[in-house]
Amino acid sequence: MNKYDWGLKMEVHMELRPHPDIELGVRRTDLSADFTIPETGIDTDTGVIMVIPGFGESCETEHQKGLRAYLANKLNCIAVGTSYFGIYRSSQIQLTPSFLYNYNRIYGLNMSFDDFALAQSGEELYRMITEPVLRRGVTSLDIRCQPLLITDKGEYQSWGFLPAVDNLRVLGEIINKYDINRKKIIAFGNGYGGYIAMLMGKFAPQTFSLIIEREAYSRAELKHIVSGELMESDYVFAFDLNQGDLRFTIASSSNNPWTIEDETSGYYFSDSCRQIRSLHIEKHRCVSPTSYCIVHSENNENVLIKNKDQCVDILKRYNRVDYRRIAANGSSNRLTDQEFIEDLSNQPDMIWEKESDDTDFSLDSICSFVCSDKVYQFSFLSEGTLEVSINEIDE
């Protein structure tokens, strides 16, 4: 691929070959990313910030575009949004035969797929599902009646692993192609986006100057991976009825191929799959120049504060960590992304740059992570490429 001519463009789109899906072998389409350039252009101090959307948001939303523009100008960085594997989550809602069977059996109905065929949107479909059972006084659909959420482009939820590899792939391309300040390489995200950022720091320990996460996950969450087998909800759709007097909820699962029931399956989500995605394994850590800013509230129901405490306790032994533990009645977690970054930029002890301009790419690093009976090996090359392999551990 030829070098890009930034010219006077503030927005740049890039497409490149993705890393193969080395776990499940799903065929991949081109990987794309969108860059926002500072209005003043690029100078010797311009760094990079990877801006990572979480569940339910793509890089093309107005929020993400505005956030990248703000971060590019505020921090003097190229702000990058990557359309990572699985980002187009819940692009379609599908009703399965098992859904219809349980729906009719549990509520004494005689509905057919044709009864829902005229729905023009996901919300309309949810409301059509609601109406027959609401007349029976039900305000929460039984967990056995889960619509299926389809991920677009034939993808699935890799749960952090491939998304982190994708973002590192894009970052390597930027580092190799453009004359940026390699002392200032930042990753930022909320929730699932923050979790991807944290995995990037784990997989590439010598690359980032700062990783910022708010309310991020810290390990594999099986309800988002094999929700159908667990009979837990991957996603809960809730909406108000009767001018807000009543709230109805419907649990949904995703079309992920993973299984935890069949150990002989090529789609088995094994201990090694869990461990490479975990931020709680100390043997996966090494002393690193990366600083971390971690924000987590005590009332987070998705990621319990005790899990984040454990993650931070390990991280502090290898990195500089600014841990902002928000009380249940605290207000800091209600700041917008812009307000939050504005607050951080006013903190005199925040470290935005590291001392060395070395990265895992320039160092040709090989980072190996022993995960149960397998080794995940990340090989970084100075030309900006990344090769990840999985090898069996010999007995």
Protein backbone atom coordinates (compact mmCIF):
# COMPACT_ATOMS: atom_id res chain seq x y z
CA MET A 1 0.00 0.00 0.00
CA ASN A 2 1.30 3.44 -0.89
CA LYS A 3 1.79 6.16 1.65
CA TYR A 4 -1.17 8.44 2.08
CA ASP A 5 -1.02 12.08 1.10
CA TRP A 6 -2.77 13.84 3.96
CA GLY A 7 -3.00 17.10 1.99
CA LEU A 8 -5.50 19.38 3.68
CA LYS A 9 -7.93 16.59 4.57
CA MET A 10 -8.91 16.32 8.20
CA GLU A 11 -10.61 12.94 7.67
CA VAL A 12 -8.85 9.99 6.07
CA HIS A 13 -10.20 6.51 5.35
CA MET A 14 -7.91 3.49 5.13
CA GLU A 15 -8.45 -0.14 4.19
CA LEU A 16 -5.92 -2.90 4.66
CA ARG A 17 -5.64 -6.65 4.81
CA PRO A 18 -6.79 -8.02 8.18
CA HIS A 19 -5.09 -10.59 10.34
CA PRO A 20 -6.59 -14.07 9.79
CA ASP A 21 -9.04 -15.45 12.32
CA ILE A 22 -6.62 -17.95 13.82
CA GLU A 23 -9.09 -19.30 16.39
CA LEU A 24 -12.19 -20.21 14.35
CA GLY A 25 -11.00 -19.66 10.78
CA VAL A 26 -13.83 -17.39 9.67
CA ARG A 27 -13.03 -15.73 6.36
CA ARG A 28 -12.40 -12.03 6.80
CA THR A 29 -13.13 -8.97 4.68
CA ASP A 30 -10.83 -5.95 4.45
CA LEU A 31 -10.14 -4.11 7.67
CA SER A 32 -11.02 -0.40 7.61
CA ALA A 33 -10.17 2.58 9.79
CA ASP A 34 -10.98 6.29 9.87
CA PHE A 35 -8.40 8.90 10.91
CA THR A 36 -9.04 12.43 12.15
CA ILE A 37 -6.11 14.83 11.76
CA PRO A 38 -5.54 17.84 14.05
CA GLU A 39 -6.75 21.08 12.46
CA THR A 40 -3.23 22.50 12.79
CA GLY A 41 -1.80 19.58 10.83
CA ILE A 42 0.86 17.09 11.86
CA ASP A 43 4.08 18.20 13.53
CA THR A 44 6.92 16.49 15.40
CA ASP A 45 4.82 16.36 18.59
CA THR A 46 1.75 14.76 17.00
CA GLY A 47 0.99 11.36 18.49
CA VAL A 48 -1.70 8.74 17.92
CA ILE A 49 -4.79 7.91 19.95
CA MET A 50 -6.78 4.77 19.19
CA VAL A 51 -10.43 5.64 19.93
CA ILE A 52 -12.25 2.35 20.42
CA PRO A 53 -16.07 2.15 20.25
CA GLY A 54 -17.85 -0.24 22.57
CA PHE A 55 -20.96 -2.40 22.18
CA GLY A 56 -23.59 -1.01 19.88
CA GLU A 57 -21.57 1.80 18.31
CA SER A 58 -19.55 1.93 15.12
CA CYS A 59 -16.83 4.34 14.04
CA GLU A 60 -19.29 6.09 11.72
CA THR A 61 -21.62 7.50 14.38
CA GLU A 62 -21.75 11.24 14.92
CA HIS A 63 -20.59 10.72 18.49
CA GLN A 64 -17.46 8.85 17.44
CA LYS A 65 -16.66 11.34 14.67
CA GLY A 66 -17.07 14.25 17.07
CA LEU A 67 -15.02 12.50 19.74
CA ARG A 68 -12.16 11.83 17.33
CA ALA A 69 -12.19 15.47 16.20
CA TYR A 70 -12.09 16.65 19.81
CA LEU A 71 -9.27 14.28 20.79
CA ALA A 72 -7.22 15.05 17.69
CA ASN A 73 -7.22 18.78 18.47
CA LYS A 74 -7.10 18.55 22.26
CA LEU A 75 -4.21 16.09 22.44
CA ASN A 76 -2.45 16.86 19.13
CA CYS A 77 -2.92 13.30 17.97
CA ILE A 78 -4.08 11.42 14.92
CA ALA A 79 -7.36 10.02 16.28
CA VAL A 80 -8.10 6.58 14.84
CA GLY A 81 -11.34 4.62 14.82
CA THR A 82 -11.02 1.02 13.63
CA SER A 83 -13.98 -1.02 12.37
CA TYR A 84 -12.74 -4.06 14.21
CA PHE A 85 -14.02 -7.64 13.85
CA GLY A 86 -17.57 -7.90 15.21
CA ILE A 87 -18.16 -4.16 15.58
CA TYR A 88 -21.42 -4.36 13.63
CA ARG A 89 -23.08 -6.18 16.47
CA SER A 90 -26.87 -6.68 16.48
CA SER A 91 -27.24 -5.44 12.91
CA GLN A 92 -30.27 -7.72 12.49
CA ILE A 93 -32.73 -9.45 14.78
CA GLN A 94 -33.81 -12.97 13.88
CA LEU A 95 -36.61 -15.08 15.32
CA THR A 96 -35.64 -18.75 15.48
CA PRO A 97 -37.86 -21.85 15.57
CA SER A 98 -36.88 -22.42 19.23
CA PHE A 99 -37.95 -18.86 20.05
CA LEU A 100 -41.35 -19.35 18.43
CA TYR A 101 -41.86 -22.77 20.03
CA ASN A 102 -41.12 -21.51 23.55
CA TYR A 103 -43.04 -18.27 23.00
CA ASN A 104 -46.20 -20.13 22.03
CA ARG A 105 -45.78 -22.92 24.59
CA ILE A 106 -45.07 -20.72 27.61
CA TYR A 107 -47.73 -18.10 26.92
CA GLY A 108 -50.41 -20.27 25.32
CA LEU A 109 -50.20 -18.51 21.96
CA ASN A 110 -50.51 -19.68 18.37
CA MET A 111 -48.25 -17.18 16.60
CA SER A 112 -46.37 -17.84 13.36
CA PHE A 113 -43.37 -16.18 11.72
CA ASP A 114 -45.81 -14.47 9.35
CA ASP A 115 -47.25 -12.55 12.30
CA PHE A 116 -43.93 -10.73 12.70
CA ALA A 117 -42.99 -10.41 9.03
CA LEU A 118 -44.15 -6.79 8.65
CA ALA A 119 -41.80 -5.37 11.30
CA GLN A 120 -39.77 -2.53 9.76
CA SER A 121 -37.21 -2.14 12.55
CA GLY A 122 -35.77 -3.92 15.55
CA GLU A 123 -37.81 -1.83 17.96
CA GLU A 124 -40.99 -2.52 16.02
CA LEU A 125 -40.26 -6.26 16.12
CA TYR A 126 -39.71 -6.12 19.88
CA ARG A 127 -43.01 -4.30 20.33
CA MET A 128 -44.83 -6.85 18.18
CA ILE A 129 -43.40 -9.60 20.40
CA THR A 130 -44.55 -7.68 23.47
CA GLU A 131 -48.19 -7.04 22.62
CA PRO A 132 -49.63 -10.62 22.88
CA VAL A 133 -47.92 -11.40 26.21
CA LEU A 134 -48.61 -7.98 27.69
CA ARG A 135 -52.31 -8.74 27.45
CA ARG A 136 -51.59 -11.64 29.78
CA GLY A 137 -50.06 -9.32 32.37
CA VAL A 138 -46.44 -10.24 31.55
CA THR A 139 -43.82 -7.44 31.73
CA SER A 140 -40.65 -9.45 31.12
CA LEU A 141 -40.27 -12.06 28.43
CA ASP A 142 -39.16 -15.49 29.66
CA ILE A 143 -35.40 -16.06 29.21
CA ARG A 144 -36.19 -19.11 27.06
CA CYS A 145 -37.70 -16.78 24.45
CA GLN A 146 -34.61 -15.05 23.13
CA PRO A 147 -34.50 -13.39 19.72
CA LEU A 148 -31.15 -13.88 17.98
CA LEU A 149 -28.88 -10.91 17.34
CA ILE A 150 -26.95 -11.18 14.06
CA THR A 151 -23.49 -9.66 13.62
CA ASP A 152 -23.04 -8.13 10.16
CA LYS A 153 -20.45 -9.13 7.51
CA GLY A 154 -20.65 -12.80 8.53
CA GLU A 155 -18.68 -12.05 11.72
CA TYR A 156 -19.22 -13.03 15.34
CA GLN A 157 -18.18 -11.79 18.76
CA SER A 158 -14.53 -12.77 19.21
CA TRP A 159 -14.77 -11.06 22.60
CA GLY A 160 -11.78 -8.74 22.60
CA PHE A 161 -9.12 -10.91 20.98
CA LEU A 162 -9.54 -10.17 17.26
CA PRO A 163 -10.67 -6.57 17.92
CA ALA A 164 -7.42 -5.94 19.82
CA VAL A 165 -5.37 -7.55 17.05
CA ASP A 166 -7.21 -5.43 14.47
CA ASN A 167 -6.46 -2.20 16.32
CA LEU A 168 -2.80 -3.18 16.69
CA ARG A 169 -2.70 -4.01 12.97
CA VAL A 170 -3.94 -0.51 12.12
CA LEU A 171 -1.58 1.09 14.66
CA GLY A 172 1.39 -0.75 13.15
CA GLU A 173 0.46 0.60 9.72
CA ILE A 174 0.35 4.15 11.07
CA ILE A 175 3.64 3.83 12.91
CA ASN A 176 5.33 2.47 9.80
CA LYS A 177 3.86 4.90 7.26
CA TYR A 178 3.84 8.23 9.05
CA ASP A 179 6.34 10.34 10.93
CA ILE A 180 4.50 10.60 14.24
CA ASN A 181 5.64 11.08 17.83
CA ARG A 182 6.16 7.46 18.91
CA LYS A 183 6.50 8.54 22.52
CA LYS A 184 2.80 9.46 22.55
CA ILE A 185 0.67 6.47 21.57
CA ILE A 186 -2.61 6.28 23.49
CA ALA A 187 -5.63 3.95 23.54
CA PHE A 188 -9.01 5.04 24.92
CA GLY A 189 -12.37 3.32 25.34
CA ASN A 190 -15.44 2.79 27.49
CA GLY A 191 -16.85 -0.57 28.52
CA TYR A 192 -16.04 -3.13 25.82
CA GLY A 193 -13.95 -0.50 24.01
CA GLY A 194 -11.91 0.01 27.17
CA TYR A 195 -11.47 -3.74 27.50
CA ILE A 196 -10.08 -3.90 23.95
CA ALA A 197 -7.69 -1.07 24.86
CA MET A 198 -6.52 -2.99 27.93
CA LEU A 199 -5.93 -6.13 25.87
CA MET A 200 -3.85 -4.08 23.44
CA GLY A 201 -1.69 -3.01 26.36
CA LYS A 202 -1.30 -6.64 27.41
CA PHE A 203 -0.41 -7.88 23.92
CA ALA A 204 1.94 -4.95 23.12
CA PRO A 205 3.52 -3.95 26.46
CA GLN A 206 6.27 -1.69 25.05
CA THR A 207 4.11 0.32 22.63
CA PHE A 208 1.68 2.57 24.48
CA SER A 209 2.41 5.62 26.57
CA LEU A 210 -1.06 5.71 28.12
CA ILE A 211 -4.17 3.54 28.14
CA ILE A 212 -7.39 5.10 29.38
CA GLU A 213 -10.44 3.00 30.18
CA ARG A 214 -13.77 3.71 31.81
CA GLU A 215 -15.88 0.90 33.27
CA ALA A 216 -14.13 -1.75 31.16
CA TYR A 217 -14.50 -5.52 31.32
CA SER A 218 -11.47 -7.43 32.52
CA ARG A 219 -11.99 -11.01 31.30
CA ALA A 220 -14.18 -13.22 29.12
CA GLU A 221 -17.88 -12.77 29.87
CA LEU A 222 -19.60 -16.00 28.89
CA LYS A 223 -23.04 -14.41 28.69
CA HIS A 224 -21.77 -12.44 25.69
CA ILE A 225 -20.08 -15.48 24.15
CA VAL A 226 -22.38 -18.48 24.69
CA SER A 227 -25.51 -16.85 26.09
CA GLY A 228 -27.83 -19.39 24.48
CA GLU A 229 -26.17 -22.31 26.27
CA LEU A 230 -26.14 -20.50 29.60
CA MET A 231 -29.70 -19.19 29.34
CA GLU A 232 -28.41 -15.75 30.22
CA SER A 233 -29.03 -12.60 28.23
CA ASP A 234 -26.34 -11.21 25.96
CA TYR A 235 -28.42 -8.06 25.57
CA VAL A 236 -31.61 -6.80 27.24
CA PHE A 237 -33.94 -4.58 25.25
CA ALA A 238 -36.16 -2.43 27.51
CA PHE A 239 -38.75 0.15 26.65
CA ASP A 240 -41.48 2.08 28.40
CA LEU A 241 -45.17 1.41 27.93
CA ASN A 242 -48.23 3.47 28.87
CA GLN A 243 -46.42 6.80 29.04
CA GLY A 244 -43.66 5.38 31.20
CA ASP A 245 -45.88 3.65 33.78
CA LEU A 246 -44.67 0.22 32.73
CA ARG A 247 -41.31 -1.07 31.52
CA PHE A 248 -41.03 -4.21 29.39
CA THR A 249 -37.79 -6.18 28.94
CA ILE A 250 -36.75 -8.77 26.36
CA ALA A 251 -33.50 -10.73 26.63
CA SER A 252 -31.62 -11.58 23.43
CA SER A 253 -28.68 -13.82 22.53
CA SER A 254 -26.09 -13.52 19.73
CA ASN A 255 -25.33 -15.79 16.79
CA ASN A 256 -21.88 -16.70 18.09
CA PRO A 257 -20.48 -20.10 17.03
CA TRP A 258 -18.74 -20.68 20.37
CA THR A 259 -19.72 -23.58 22.61
CA ILE A 260 -18.80 -24.58 26.16
CA GLU A 261 -20.81 -27.82 26.05
CA ASP A 262 -18.93 -29.81 23.38
CA GLU A 263 -15.21 -30.09 24.15
CA THR A 264 -14.59 -31.93 20.87
CA SER A 265 -15.89 -29.05 18.78
CA GLY A 266 -13.55 -26.76 16.86
CA TYR A 267 -15.63 -23.93 18.31
CA TYR A 268 -15.05 -24.92 21.94
CA PHE A 269 -14.34 -21.88 24.11
CA SER A 270 -11.54 -23.54 26.05
CA ASP A 271 -9.48 -22.47 29.05
CA SER A 272 -6.82 -21.18 26.67
CA CYS A 273 -9.43 -18.98 24.94
CA ARG A 274 -10.42 -17.56 28.31
CA GLN A 275 -6.88 -16.97 29.53
CA ILE A 276 -5.65 -15.01 26.50
CA ARG A 277 -8.62 -12.69 27.07
CA SER A 278 -8.04 -12.30 30.80
CA LEU A 279 -6.46 -9.29 32.50
CA HIS A 280 -6.20 -11.23 35.76
CA ILE A 281 -3.26 -13.52 34.92
CA GLU A 282 -0.06 -12.19 36.43
CA LYS A 283 2.28 -14.43 34.44
CA HIS A 284 1.09 -12.58 31.32
CA ARG A 285 2.53 -9.31 32.65
CA CYS A 286 5.97 -7.77 32.33
CA VAL A 287 7.48 -4.48 33.42
CA SER A 288 6.26 -1.92 30.93
CA PRO A 289 6.54 1.85 30.31
CA THR A 290 2.79 2.09 29.68
CA SER A 291 0.78 4.20 32.14
CA TYR A 292 -2.85 3.35 32.85
CA CYS A 293 -5.79 5.54 33.83
CA ILE A 294 -8.62 3.30 35.04
CA VAL A 295 -12.06 4.51 36.14
CA HIS A 296 -14.60 2.16 37.67
CA SER A 297 -17.70 2.68 39.78
CA GLU A 298 -18.75 0.57 42.73
CA ASN A 299 -22.28 0.20 41.37
CA ASN A 300 -21.24 -1.24 38.00
CA GLU A 301 -23.43 -4.33 37.62
CA ASN A 302 -21.72 -5.66 34.48
CA VAL A 303 -18.17 -5.66 35.86
CA LEU A 304 -18.08 -5.99 39.62
CA ILE A 305 -15.72 -3.61 41.39
CA LYS A 306 -13.94 -6.54 43.09
CA ASN A 307 -12.91 -7.85 39.66
CA LYS A 308 -11.46 -4.49 38.66
CA ASP A 309 -9.69 -4.23 42.04
CA GLN A 310 -8.01 -7.57 41.35
CA CYS A 311 -6.99 -6.47 37.86
CA VAL A 312 -5.50 -3.21 39.18
CA ASP A 313 -3.65 -4.93 42.02
CA ILE A 314 -1.77 -7.07 39.47
CA LEU A 315 -1.21 -4.21 37.04
CA LYS A 316 0.32 -1.95 39.69
CA ARG A 317 3.24 -4.35 40.11
CA TYR A 318 4.32 -3.76 36.50
CA ASN A 319 2.98 -0.37 35.42
CA ARG A 320 2.16 3.10 36.66
CA VAL A 321 -1.59 3.08 37.40
CA ASP A 322 -3.97 5.93 38.22
CA TYR A 323 -7.01 4.08 39.59
CA ARG A 324 -10.13 6.20 40.07
CA ARG A 325 -12.51 4.11 42.11
CA ILE A 326 -15.85 5.90 42.03
CA ALA A 327 -18.21 5.59 45.00
CA ALA A 328 -21.70 4.31 44.27
CA ASN A 329 -23.11 7.82 44.56
CA GLY A 330 -20.21 9.48 42.76
CA SER A 331 -20.64 11.70 39.73
CA SER A 332 -17.33 11.25 37.89
CA ASN A 333 -18.63 8.31 35.88
CA ARG A 334 -21.38 10.55 34.49
CA LEU A 335 -18.95 12.85 32.72
CA THR A 336 -19.07 12.84 28.93
CA ASP A 337 -15.96 11.59 27.14
CA GLN A 338 -14.96 15.16 26.30
CA GLU A 339 -15.47 16.33 29.89
CA PHE A 340 -13.50 13.37 31.17
CA ILE A 341 -10.52 13.99 28.87
CA GLU A 342 -10.67 17.71 29.67
CA ASP A 343 -10.43 16.83 33.35
CA LEU A 344 -7.48 14.48 32.72
CA SER A 345 -5.64 17.11 30.68
CA ASN A 346 -5.82 19.46 33.65
CA GLN A 347 -4.15 16.93 35.96
CA PRO A 348 -0.45 17.85 36.32
CA ASP A 349 0.61 14.28 37.13
CA MET A 350 -0.92 12.65 34.03
CA ILE A 351 1.75 11.07 31.83
CA TRP A 352 0.82 11.37 28.15
CA GLU A 353 4.25 10.47 26.75
CA LYS A 354 6.77 7.82 27.66
CA GLU A 355 10.53 8.42 27.72
CA SER A 356 11.45 6.12 24.85
CA ASP A 357 10.12 6.11 21.31
CA ASP A 358 10.58 2.34 21.11
CA THR A 359 7.51 0.26 20.31
CA ASP A 360 7.01 -3.47 20.04
CA PHE A 361 7.14 -2.97 16.28
CA SER A 362 10.49 -1.17 16.27
CA LEU A 363 11.87 -3.69 18.76
CA ASP A 364 10.71 -6.68 16.69
CA SER A 365 9.19 -7.97 19.91
CA ILE A 366 7.97 -11.52 20.33
CA CYS A 367 5.41 -11.68 23.15
CA SER A 368 4.32 -15.15 24.22
CA PHE A 369 1.40 -15.92 26.53
CA VAL A 370 1.06 -19.40 27.98
CA CYS A 371 -2.66 -20.18 28.17
CA SER A 372 -3.46 -23.61 29.57
CA ASP A 373 -2.27 -26.09 26.91
CA LYS A 374 -1.52 -23.47 24.23
CA VAL A 375 0.84 -20.56 23.62
CA TYR A 376 -0.40 -17.44 21.88
CA GLN A 377 2.60 -15.75 20.25
CA PHE A 378 2.56 -12.14 19.02
CA SER A 379 5.40 -11.35 16.61
CA PHE A 380 5.81 -7.65 15.90
CA LEU A 381 7.87 -6.62 12.88
CA SER A 382 9.61 -3.31 12.26
CA GLU A 383 7.73 -2.81 8.97
CA GLY A 384 4.58 -2.41 11.06
CA THR A 385 3.07 -5.86 10.69
CA LEU A 386 1.86 -8.24 13.36
CA GLU A 387 1.67 -12.01 13.15
CA VAL A 388 -0.17 -13.98 15.84
CA SER A 389 0.01 -17.76 16.11
CA ILE A 390 -1.35 -20.43 18.44
CA ASN A 391 0.87 -23.37 19.27
CA GLU A 392 0.24 -26.49 21.30
CA ILE A 393 2.42 -27.02 24.37
CA ASP A 394 4.36 -30.25 24.09
CA GLU A 395 3.86 -32.64 26.99
